[in-house]
Amino acid sequence: MSVGHYENFPVASLLLPKPLRHPVAIIYRFARSADDLADEGSDPDDVRLARLQAYRSELERIERGEAPQSPLFRDVARIVREHALPLGLFHDLLSAFSQDVTKKRYADFGDLIDYCRRSANPVGRLLLHLFKRTSETDLAGSDAVCSALQLINFWQDVDIDFAKGRVYLPQDEMARHAVSERHIAEQRCDAAWISLMQFQTERARAMILRGQPLARSLPGRIGLEIRATIQGGLRILEKIERANYDVFRRRPELRALDWPLLLFRAA
């Protein structure tokens, strides 16, 4: 699937069973297009929020049993009906993307995790509904992986997000490590910055590893897909550490040569 965006993990990849690739692609298209409404281009905030509200209106049509107006939401309605997907998870994603328009700083880690709960976790939960694996243990493992992947994306993109006016590093943890926003503005990688980023990467690694039992328990190609996803996140953390936490001058990202290693580790 050509998505036109850099991702840390495969999307609707050939690892997935063929019947699930299309619904996964639709879920991704919904999330990616809504995220772009909040992030891309130069529209003022009120225009972005209005367009996200139009997405909510389409979800509400589906909830009322009415036909959606756009092709994307006709596809969403079909997979919701065929796979009994909870529409609340789609609403959670829109809530997080709307928050991106209006909220630029996070007071503490709990504040940030609440955002991850709505911006990342719904995608994993929707996949588990497709896989028919929705026990509380499975959902908790998925949440750990998805939140960790979201955090890893924040730590590799500190500079990019700052250019958009956003700082996802928790404000209280920045203060505790004697890091200010001047570190980001000046791309300063001193001992304080290294201490803060080391703390963030270690916590993200511990979080994503909590999801490994889920990945091991999922059968066949589905399990391989999730294990590859986890290995992708771990690989980014390795690259952040090897760059001595200088994510400004050497943005860590997955390249073509990384994928054989990830698949080997996943298998």
C-alpha atoms as a PDB file:
ATOM      1  CA  MET A   1       0.000   0.000   0.000  1.00  0.00           C
ATOM      2  CA  SER A   2       1.482   3.319  -1.064  1.00  0.00           C
ATOM      3  CA  VAL A   3       0.666   5.812   1.668  1.00  0.00           C
ATOM      4  CA  GLY A   4       2.952   8.728   0.882  1.00  0.00           C
ATOM      5  CA  HIS A   5       3.938   9.038   4.534  1.00  0.00           C
ATOM      6  CA  TYR A   6       6.829   7.678   6.544  1.00  0.00           C
ATOM      7  CA  GLU A   7       5.734   5.020   9.020  1.00  0.00           C
ATOM      8  CA  ASN A   8       7.545   2.954  11.637  1.00  0.00           C
ATOM      9  CA  PHE A   9       5.512  -0.118  10.877  1.00  0.00           C
ATOM     10  CA  PRO A  10       3.986  -1.968   7.903  1.00  0.00           C
ATOM     11  CA  VAL A  11       0.455  -1.024   6.932  1.00  0.00           C
ATOM     12  CA  ALA A  12      -1.835  -3.582   5.263  1.00  0.00           C
ATOM     13  CA  SER A  13       1.357  -5.400   4.384  1.00  0.00           C
ATOM     14  CA  LEU A  14       1.715  -8.740   2.683  1.00  0.00           C
ATOM     15  CA  LEU A  15       2.312 -10.244   6.126  1.00  0.00           C
ATOM     16  CA  LEU A  16      -1.410  -9.942   6.863  1.00  0.00           C
ATOM     17  CA  PRO A  17      -3.905 -12.574   5.700  1.00  0.00           C
ATOM     18  CA  LYS A  18      -5.372 -11.396   2.415  1.00  0.00           C
ATOM     19  CA  PRO A  19      -8.991 -10.981   3.681  1.00  0.00           C
ATOM     20  CA  LEU A  20      -7.819  -8.473   6.303  1.00  0.00           C
ATOM     21  CA  ARG A  21      -5.643  -6.270   4.096  1.00  0.00           C
ATOM     22  CA  HIS A  22      -8.537  -4.266   2.678  1.00  0.00           C
ATOM     23  CA  PRO A  23     -10.245  -3.412   5.996  1.00  0.00           C
ATOM     24  CA  VAL A  24      -6.855  -2.542   7.522  1.00  0.00           C
ATOM     25  CA  ALA A  25      -6.168  -0.241   4.577  1.00  0.00           C
ATOM     26  CA  ILE A  26      -9.540   1.486   5.090  1.00  0.00           C
ATOM     27  CA  ILE A  27      -8.854   2.006   8.806  1.00  0.00           C
ATOM     28  CA  TYR A  28      -5.452   3.432   7.953  1.00  0.00           C
ATOM     29  CA  ARG A  29      -6.901   5.690   5.247  1.00  0.00           C
ATOM     30  CA  PHE A  30      -9.438   7.062   7.703  1.00  0.00           C
ATOM     31  CA  ALA A  31      -6.803   7.718  10.381  1.00  0.00           C
ATOM     32  CA  ARG A  32      -4.193   9.106   8.004  1.00  0.00           C
ATOM     33  CA  SER A  33      -6.583  11.453   6.191  1.00  0.00           C
ATOM     34  CA  ALA A  34      -8.062  12.754   9.455  1.00  0.00           C
ATOM     35  CA  ASP A  35      -4.580  13.251  10.899  1.00  0.00           C
ATOM     36  CA  ASP A  36      -3.620  15.216   7.789  1.00  0.00           C
ATOM     37  CA  LEU A  37      -6.598  17.526   8.318  1.00  0.00           C
ATOM     38  CA  ALA A  38      -5.100  18.427  11.698  1.00  0.00           C
ATOM     39  CA  ASP A  39      -1.467  18.574  10.558  1.00  0.00           C
ATOM     40  CA  GLU A  40      -0.912  19.293   6.894  1.00  0.00           C
ATOM     41  CA  GLY A  41      -1.200  22.475   4.865  1.00  0.00           C
ATOM     42  CA  SER A  42      -1.707  26.034   6.042  1.00  0.00           C
ATOM     43  CA  ASP A  43      -5.417  26.145   6.904  1.00  0.00           C
ATOM     44  CA  PRO A  44      -6.392  28.127  10.013  1.00  0.00           C
ATOM     45  CA  ASP A  45      -7.445  26.171  13.072  1.00  0.00           C
ATOM     46  CA  ASP A  46     -11.164  26.822  12.661  1.00  0.00           C
ATOM     47  CA  VAL A  47     -11.080  25.335   9.151  1.00  0.00           C
ATOM     48  CA  ARG A  48      -9.222  22.252  10.388  1.00  0.00           C
ATOM     49  CA  LEU A  49     -11.711  21.722  13.206  1.00  0.00           C
ATOM     50  CA  ALA A  50     -14.654  22.174  10.840  1.00  0.00           C
ATOM     51  CA  ARG A  51     -13.295  19.507   8.504  1.00  0.00           C
ATOM     52  CA  LEU A  52     -12.779  17.118  11.391  1.00  0.00           C
ATOM     53  CA  GLN A  53     -16.357  17.853  12.475  1.00  0.00           C
ATOM     54  CA  ALA A  54     -17.480  16.823   8.990  1.00  0.00           C
ATOM     55  CA  TYR A  55     -15.799  13.456   9.655  1.00  0.00           C
ATOM     56  CA  ARG A  56     -17.762  13.177  12.915  1.00  0.00           C
ATOM     57  CA  SER A  57     -20.966  13.921  11.063  1.00  0.00           C
ATOM     58  CA  GLU A  58     -20.256  11.059   8.686  1.00  0.00           C
ATOM     59  CA  LEU A  59     -19.680   8.687  11.637  1.00  0.00           C
ATOM     60  CA  GLU A  60     -22.954   9.861  13.134  1.00  0.00           C
ATOM     61  CA  ARG A  61     -24.735   9.034   9.877  1.00  0.00           C
ATOM     62  CA  ILE A  62     -23.358   5.510  10.121  1.00  0.00           C
ATOM     63  CA  GLU A  63     -24.556   5.289  13.737  1.00  0.00           C
ATOM     64  CA  ARG A  64     -28.061   6.312  12.654  1.00  0.00           C
ATOM     65  CA  GLY A  65     -28.055   3.719   9.895  1.00  0.00           C
ATOM     66  CA  GLU A  66     -27.954   6.379   7.167  1.00  0.00           C
ATOM     67  CA  ALA A  67     -25.804   6.216   4.033  1.00  0.00           C
ATOM     68  CA  PRO A  68     -22.576   8.243   4.336  1.00  0.00           C
ATOM     69  CA  GLN A  69     -21.981  10.940   1.739  1.00  0.00           C
ATOM     70  CA  SER A  70     -18.308  10.255   0.913  1.00  0.00           C
ATOM     71  CA  PRO A  71     -16.667   7.143  -0.589  1.00  0.00           C
ATOM     72  CA  LEU A  72     -14.254   6.840   2.355  1.00  0.00           C
ATOM     73  CA  PHE A  73     -17.089   6.635   4.857  1.00  0.00           C
ATOM     74  CA  ARG A  74     -19.074   4.243   2.702  1.00  0.00           C
ATOM     75  CA  ASP A  75     -16.033   1.980   2.982  1.00  0.00           C
ATOM     76  CA  VAL A  76     -15.881   2.602   6.741  1.00  0.00           C
ATOM     77  CA  ALA A  77     -19.591   1.755   7.078  1.00  0.00           C
ATOM     78  CA  ARG A  78     -19.076  -1.494   5.218  1.00  0.00           C
ATOM     79  CA  ILE A  79     -16.182  -2.753   7.364  1.00  0.00           C
ATOM     80  CA  VAL A  80     -17.940  -1.614  10.560  1.00  0.00           C
ATOM     81  CA  ARG A  81     -20.947  -3.678   9.541  1.00  0.00           C
ATOM     82  CA  GLU A  82     -18.994  -6.705   8.287  1.00  0.00           C
ATOM     83  CA  HIS A  83     -16.584  -6.914  11.229  1.00  0.00           C
ATOM     84  CA  ALA A  84     -18.693  -5.437  14.069  1.00  0.00           C
ATOM     85  CA  LEU A  85     -16.135  -2.670  14.673  1.00  0.00           C
ATOM     86  CA  PRO A  86     -16.927  -0.200  17.505  1.00  0.00           C
ATOM     87  CA  LEU A  87     -17.571   3.256  16.056  1.00  0.00           C
ATOM     88  CA  GLY A  88     -16.427   4.779  19.356  1.00  0.00           C
ATOM     89  CA  LEU A  89     -12.854   3.937  18.420  1.00  0.00           C
ATOM     90  CA  PHE A  90     -13.150   6.046  15.250  1.00  0.00           C
ATOM     91  CA  HIS A  91     -14.555   8.889  17.368  1.00  0.00           C
ATOM     92  CA  ASP A  92     -11.571   8.572  19.734  1.00  0.00           C
ATOM     93  CA  LEU A  93      -9.190   9.114  16.838  1.00  0.00           C
ATOM     94  CA  LEU A  94     -11.041  12.260  15.771  1.00  0.00           C
ATOM     95  CA  SER A  95     -10.929  13.524  19.352  1.00  0.00           C
ATOM     96  CA  ALA A  96      -7.130  13.178  19.408  1.00  0.00           C
ATOM     97  CA  PHE A  97      -6.671  14.842  16.017  1.00  0.00           C
ATOM     98  CA  SER A  98      -8.854  17.755  17.085  1.00  0.00           C
ATOM     99  CA  GLN A  99      -6.765  18.054  20.229  1.00  0.00           C
ATOM    100  CA  ASP A 100      -3.653  18.368  18.052  1.00  0.00           C
ATOM    101  CA  VAL A 101      -5.146  21.539  16.596  1.00  0.00           C
ATOM    102  CA  THR A 102      -5.807  23.182  19.964  1.00  0.00           C
ATOM    103  CA  LYS A 103      -3.361  21.670  22.491  1.00  0.00           C
ATOM    104  CA  LYS A 104       0.376  22.247  22.043  1.00  0.00           C
ATOM    105  CA  ARG A 105       1.899  21.262  25.429  1.00  0.00           C
ATOM    106  CA  TYR A 106       1.446  18.386  27.906  1.00  0.00           C
ATOM    107  CA  ALA A 107       1.781  18.971  31.627  1.00  0.00           C
ATOM    108  CA  ASP A 108       2.810  15.454  32.613  1.00  0.00           C
ATOM    109  CA  PHE A 109       3.031  11.879  31.371  1.00  0.00           C
ATOM    110  CA  GLY A 110      -0.545  11.094  32.381  1.00  0.00           C
ATOM    111  CA  ASP A 111      -1.706  13.964  30.182  1.00  0.00           C
ATOM    112  CA  LEU A 112       0.339  12.595  27.282  1.00  0.00           C
ATOM    113  CA  ILE A 113      -0.832   9.007  27.756  1.00  0.00           C
ATOM    114  CA  ASP A 114      -4.452  10.175  27.653  1.00  0.00           C
ATOM    115  CA  TYR A 115      -3.678  11.579  24.210  1.00  0.00           C
ATOM    116  CA  CYS A 116      -2.038   8.295  23.149  1.00  0.00           C
ATOM    117  CA  ARG A 117      -5.133   6.442  24.387  1.00  0.00           C
ATOM    118  CA  ARG A 118      -7.125   8.239  21.714  1.00  0.00           C
ATOM    119  CA  SER A 119      -4.517   8.868  18.992  1.00  0.00           C
ATOM    120  CA  ALA A 120      -2.870   5.428  18.776  1.00  0.00           C
ATOM    121  CA  ASN A 121      -4.618   2.783  20.860  1.00  0.00           C
ATOM    122  CA  PRO A 122      -7.860   2.772  18.819  1.00  0.00           C
ATOM    123  CA  VAL A 123      -5.983   1.531  15.742  1.00  0.00           C
ATOM    124  CA  GLY A 124      -4.615  -1.472  17.620  1.00  0.00           C
ATOM    125  CA  ARG A 125      -7.993  -2.203  19.151  1.00  0.00           C
ATOM    126  CA  LEU A 126      -9.657  -2.062  15.737  1.00  0.00           C
ATOM    127  CA  LEU A 127      -7.110  -4.570  14.444  1.00  0.00           C
ATOM    128  CA  LEU A 128      -7.843  -6.886  17.352  1.00  0.00           C
ATOM    129  CA  HIS A 129     -11.549  -6.680  16.518  1.00  0.00           C
ATOM    130  CA  LEU A 130     -10.664  -7.744  12.969  1.00  0.00           C
ATOM    131  CA  PHE A 131      -8.595 -10.622  14.392  1.00  0.00           C
ATOM    132  CA  LYS A 132     -11.445 -11.570  16.816  1.00  0.00           C
ATOM    133  CA  ARG A 133      -9.022 -11.210  19.750  1.00  0.00           C
ATOM    134  CA  THR A 134     -10.640  -8.815  22.221  1.00  0.00           C
ATOM    135  CA  SER A 135      -9.953 -10.210  25.687  1.00  0.00           C
ATOM    136  CA  GLU A 136      -8.901  -7.662  28.318  1.00  0.00           C
ATOM    137  CA  THR A 137      -5.387  -9.135  28.272  1.00  0.00           C
ATOM    138  CA  ASP A 138      -5.138  -8.794  24.493  1.00  0.00           C
ATOM    139  CA  LEU A 139      -6.473  -5.222  24.537  1.00  0.00           C
ATOM    140  CA  ALA A 140      -4.026  -4.222  27.305  1.00  0.00           C
ATOM    141  CA  GLY A 141      -1.106  -5.651  25.318  1.00  0.00           C
ATOM    142  CA  SER A 142      -2.215  -3.822  22.203  1.00  0.00           C
ATOM    143  CA  ASP A 143      -2.569  -0.542  24.112  1.00  0.00           C
ATOM    144  CA  ALA A 144       0.979  -0.903  25.436  1.00  0.00           C
ATOM    145  CA  VAL A 145       2.382  -1.430  21.939  1.00  0.00           C
ATOM    146  CA  CYS A 146       0.380   1.363  20.319  1.00  0.00           C
ATOM    147  CA  SER A 147       1.081   3.951  23.007  1.00  0.00           C
ATOM    148  CA  ALA A 148       4.767   3.055  22.908  1.00  0.00           C
ATOM    149  CA  LEU A 149       4.862   3.434  19.116  1.00  0.00           C
ATOM    150  CA  GLN A 150       3.224   6.847  19.454  1.00  0.00           C
ATOM    151  CA  LEU A 151       5.823   7.902  22.039  1.00  0.00           C
ATOM    152  CA  ILE A 152       8.667   6.595  19.877  1.00  0.00           C
ATOM    153  CA  ASN A 153       7.337   8.655  16.987  1.00  0.00           C
ATOM    154  CA  PHE A 154       7.305  11.738  19.234  1.00  0.00           C
ATOM    155  CA  TRP A 155      10.924  11.203  20.305  1.00  0.00           C
ATOM    156  CA  GLN A 156      12.194  10.757  16.750  1.00  0.00           C
ATOM    157  CA  ASP A 157      10.245  13.846  15.603  1.00  0.00           C
ATOM    158  CA  VAL A 158      10.913  16.333  18.407  1.00  0.00           C
ATOM    159  CA  ASP A 159      12.321  18.845  15.925  1.00  0.00           C
ATOM    160  CA  ILE A 160       9.550  18.378  13.352  1.00  0.00           C
ATOM    161  CA  ASP A 161       6.815  18.781  15.956  1.00  0.00           C
ATOM    162  CA  PHE A 162       8.492  21.866  17.438  1.00  0.00           C
ATOM    163  CA  ALA A 163       8.415  23.478  13.980  1.00  0.00           C
ATOM    164  CA  LYS A 164       4.629  22.969  14.095  1.00  0.00           C
ATOM    165  CA  GLY A 165       4.458  24.629  17.508  1.00  0.00           C
ATOM    166  CA  ARG A 166       4.078  21.392  19.470  1.00  0.00           C
ATOM    167  CA  VAL A 167       6.105  19.910  22.317  1.00  0.00           C
ATOM    168  CA  TYR A 168       5.067  16.420  23.374  1.00  0.00           C
ATOM    169  CA  LEU A 169       7.778  16.033  26.012  1.00  0.00           C
ATOM    170  CA  PRO A 170       5.977  16.280  29.385  1.00  0.00           C
ATOM    171  CA  GLN A 171       6.596  19.699  30.884  1.00  0.00           C
ATOM    172  CA  ASP A 172       7.246  18.411  34.420  1.00  0.00           C
ATOM    173  CA  GLU A 173       9.824  15.904  33.164  1.00  0.00           C
ATOM    174  CA  MET A 174      11.579  18.573  31.132  1.00  0.00           C
ATOM    175  CA  ALA A 175      11.854  20.696  34.285  1.00  0.00           C
ATOM    176  CA  ARG A 176      13.069  17.715  36.327  1.00  0.00           C
ATOM    177  CA  HIS A 177      15.923  17.146  33.867  1.00  0.00           C
ATOM    178  CA  ALA A 178      16.694  20.876  33.553  1.00  0.00           C
ATOM    179  CA  VAL A 179      15.630  20.958  29.897  1.00  0.00           C
ATOM    180  CA  SER A 180      13.828  23.952  28.423  1.00  0.00           C
ATOM    181  CA  GLU A 181      12.354  24.587  25.009  1.00  0.00           C
ATOM    182  CA  ARG A 182      15.546  26.455  24.158  1.00  0.00           C
ATOM    183  CA  HIS A 183      17.215  23.065  23.946  1.00  0.00           C
ATOM    184  CA  ILE A 184      14.884  22.199  21.079  1.00  0.00           C
ATOM    185  CA  ALA A 185      15.047  25.618  19.425  1.00  0.00           C
ATOM    186  CA  GLU A 186      18.859  25.577  19.552  1.00  0.00           C
ATOM    187  CA  GLN A 187      19.137  21.818  18.889  1.00  0.00           C
ATOM    188  CA  ARG A 188      21.247  21.570  22.028  1.00  0.00           C
ATOM    189  CA  CYS A 189      22.259  18.018  22.962  1.00  0.00           C
ATOM    190  CA  ASP A 190      23.957  18.575  26.300  1.00  0.00           C
ATOM    191  CA  ALA A 191      23.980  16.302  29.349  1.00  0.00           C
ATOM    192  CA  ALA A 192      20.541  17.488  30.458  1.00  0.00           C
ATOM    193  CA  TRP A 193      19.001  16.694  27.066  1.00  0.00           C
ATOM    194  CA  ILE A 194      20.678  13.294  26.939  1.00  0.00           C
ATOM    195  CA  SER A 195      19.383  12.493  30.440  1.00  0.00           C
ATOM    196  CA  LEU A 196      15.813  13.422  29.491  1.00  0.00           C
ATOM    197  CA  MET A 197      15.837  11.488  26.214  1.00  0.00           C
ATOM    198  CA  GLN A 198      17.449   8.449  27.796  1.00  0.00           C
ATOM    199  CA  PHE A 199      14.595   8.395  30.323  1.00  0.00           C
ATOM    200  CA  GLN A 200      12.003   8.680  27.543  1.00  0.00           C
ATOM    201  CA  THR A 201      13.517   5.933  25.375  1.00  0.00           C
ATOM    202  CA  GLU A 202      13.900   3.509  28.290  1.00  0.00           C
ATOM    203  CA  ARG A 203      10.274   4.011  29.313  1.00  0.00           C
ATOM    204  CA  ALA A 204       9.043   3.560  25.739  1.00  0.00           C
ATOM    205  CA  ARG A 205      11.083   0.365  25.401  1.00  0.00           C
ATOM    206  CA  ALA A 206       9.674  -1.064  28.627  1.00  0.00           C
ATOM    207  CA  MET A 207       6.167  -0.203  27.456  1.00  0.00           C
ATOM    208  CA  ILE A 208       6.453  -1.816  24.032  1.00  0.00           C
ATOM    209  CA  LEU A 209       7.995  -4.954  25.516  1.00  0.00           C
ATOM    210  CA  ARG A 210       4.901  -5.330  27.706  1.00  0.00           C
ATOM    211  CA  GLY A 211       3.019  -6.049  24.502  1.00  0.00           C
ATOM    212  CA  GLN A 212       5.269  -8.906  23.400  1.00  0.00           C
ATOM    213  CA  PRO A 213       3.111 -11.657  24.964  1.00  0.00           C
ATOM    214  CA  LEU A 214       0.239 -10.568  22.714  1.00  0.00           C
ATOM    215  CA  ALA A 215       2.457 -10.714  19.629  1.00  0.00           C
ATOM    216  CA  ARG A 216       3.668 -14.199  20.571  1.00  0.00           C
ATOM    217  CA  SER A 217       0.132 -15.455  21.184  1.00  0.00           C
ATOM    218  CA  LEU A 218      -1.318 -14.288  17.861  1.00  0.00           C
ATOM    219  CA  PRO A 219      -1.189 -17.052  15.248  1.00  0.00           C
ATOM    220  CA  GLY A 220       0.599 -17.215  11.909  1.00  0.00           C
ATOM    221  CA  ARG A 221       1.057 -14.156   9.768  1.00  0.00           C
ATOM    222  CA  ILE A 222      -0.970 -11.928  12.100  1.00  0.00           C
ATOM    223  CA  GLY A 223       1.482 -12.627  14.910  1.00  0.00           C
ATOM    224  CA  LEU A 224       4.422 -12.043  12.572  1.00  0.00           C
ATOM    225  CA  GLU A 225       2.945  -8.679  11.532  1.00  0.00           C
ATOM    226  CA  ILE A 226       2.629  -7.518  15.144  1.00  0.00           C
ATOM    227  CA  ARG A 227       6.088  -8.822  16.076  1.00  0.00           C
ATOM    228  CA  ALA A 228       7.554  -6.944  13.105  1.00  0.00           C
ATOM    229  CA  THR A 229       5.735  -3.830  14.275  1.00  0.00           C
ATOM    230  CA  ILE A 230       7.279  -4.155  17.731  1.00  0.00           C
ATOM    231  CA  GLN A 231      10.720  -4.745  16.265  1.00  0.00           C
ATOM    232  CA  GLY A 232      10.318  -1.612  14.138  1.00  0.00           C
ATOM    233  CA  GLY A 233       9.710   0.468  17.239  1.00  0.00           C
ATOM    234  CA  LEU A 234      12.648  -1.126  19.066  1.00  0.00           C
ATOM    235  CA  ARG A 235      14.889  -0.462  16.072  1.00  0.00           C
ATOM    236  CA  ILE A 236      14.034   3.238  16.147  1.00  0.00           C
ATOM    237  CA  LEU A 237      14.935   3.352  19.841  1.00  0.00           C
ATOM    238  CA  GLU A 238      18.273   1.703  19.026  1.00  0.00           C
ATOM    239  CA  LYS A 239      18.960   4.380  16.426  1.00  0.00           C
ATOM    240  CA  ILE A 240      18.078   7.176  18.852  1.00  0.00           C
ATOM    241  CA  GLU A 241      20.556   5.746  21.351  1.00  0.00           C
ATOM    242  CA  ARG A 242      23.284   5.244  18.744  1.00  0.00           C
ATOM    243  CA  ALA A 243      22.905   8.895  17.750  1.00  0.00           C
ATOM    244  CA  ASN A 244      23.517   9.774  21.430  1.00  0.00           C
ATOM    245  CA  TYR A 245      19.962  11.148  21.504  1.00  0.00           C
ATOM    246  CA  ASP A 246      20.708  13.802  18.862  1.00  0.00           C
ATOM    247  CA  VAL A 247      17.410  13.478  17.011  1.00  0.00           C
ATOM    248  CA  PHE A 248      17.928  16.911  15.446  1.00  0.00           C
ATOM    249  CA  ARG A 249      20.864  16.225  13.146  1.00  0.00           C
ATOM    250  CA  ARG A 250      20.330  12.504  12.623  1.00  0.00           C
ATOM    251  CA  ARG A 251      16.632  11.737  12.566  1.00  0.00           C
ATOM    252  CA  PRO A 252      16.292   8.016  13.256  1.00  0.00           C
ATOM    253  CA  GLU A 253      14.177   6.236  10.685  1.00  0.00           C
ATOM    254  CA  LEU A 254      13.736   2.792   9.226  1.00  0.00           C
ATOM    255  CA  ARG A 255      15.398   2.171   5.884  1.00  0.00           C
ATOM    256  CA  ALA A 256      15.144  -0.635   3.359  1.00  0.00           C
ATOM    257  CA  LEU A 257      18.120  -2.478   4.837  1.00  0.00           C
ATOM    258  CA  ASP A 258      16.467  -2.558   8.258  1.00  0.00           C
ATOM    259  CA  TRP A 259      13.540  -4.717   7.166  1.00  0.00           C
ATOM    260  CA  PRO A 260      15.403  -8.036   6.726  1.00  0.00           C
ATOM    261  CA  LEU A 261      16.763  -7.591  10.258  1.00  0.00           C
ATOM    262  CA  LEU A 262      13.300  -6.777  11.646  1.00  0.00           C
ATOM    263  CA  LEU A 263      11.729  -9.794   9.979  1.00  0.00           C
ATOM    264  CA  PHE A 264      14.546 -12.017  11.226  1.00  0.00           C
ATOM    265  CA  ARG A 265      14.027 -10.771  14.773  1.00  0.00           C
ATOM    266  CA  ALA A 266      10.254 -11.081  14.452  1.00  0.00           C
ATOM    267  CA  ALA A 267      10.492 -14.652  13.236  1.00  0.00           C
END
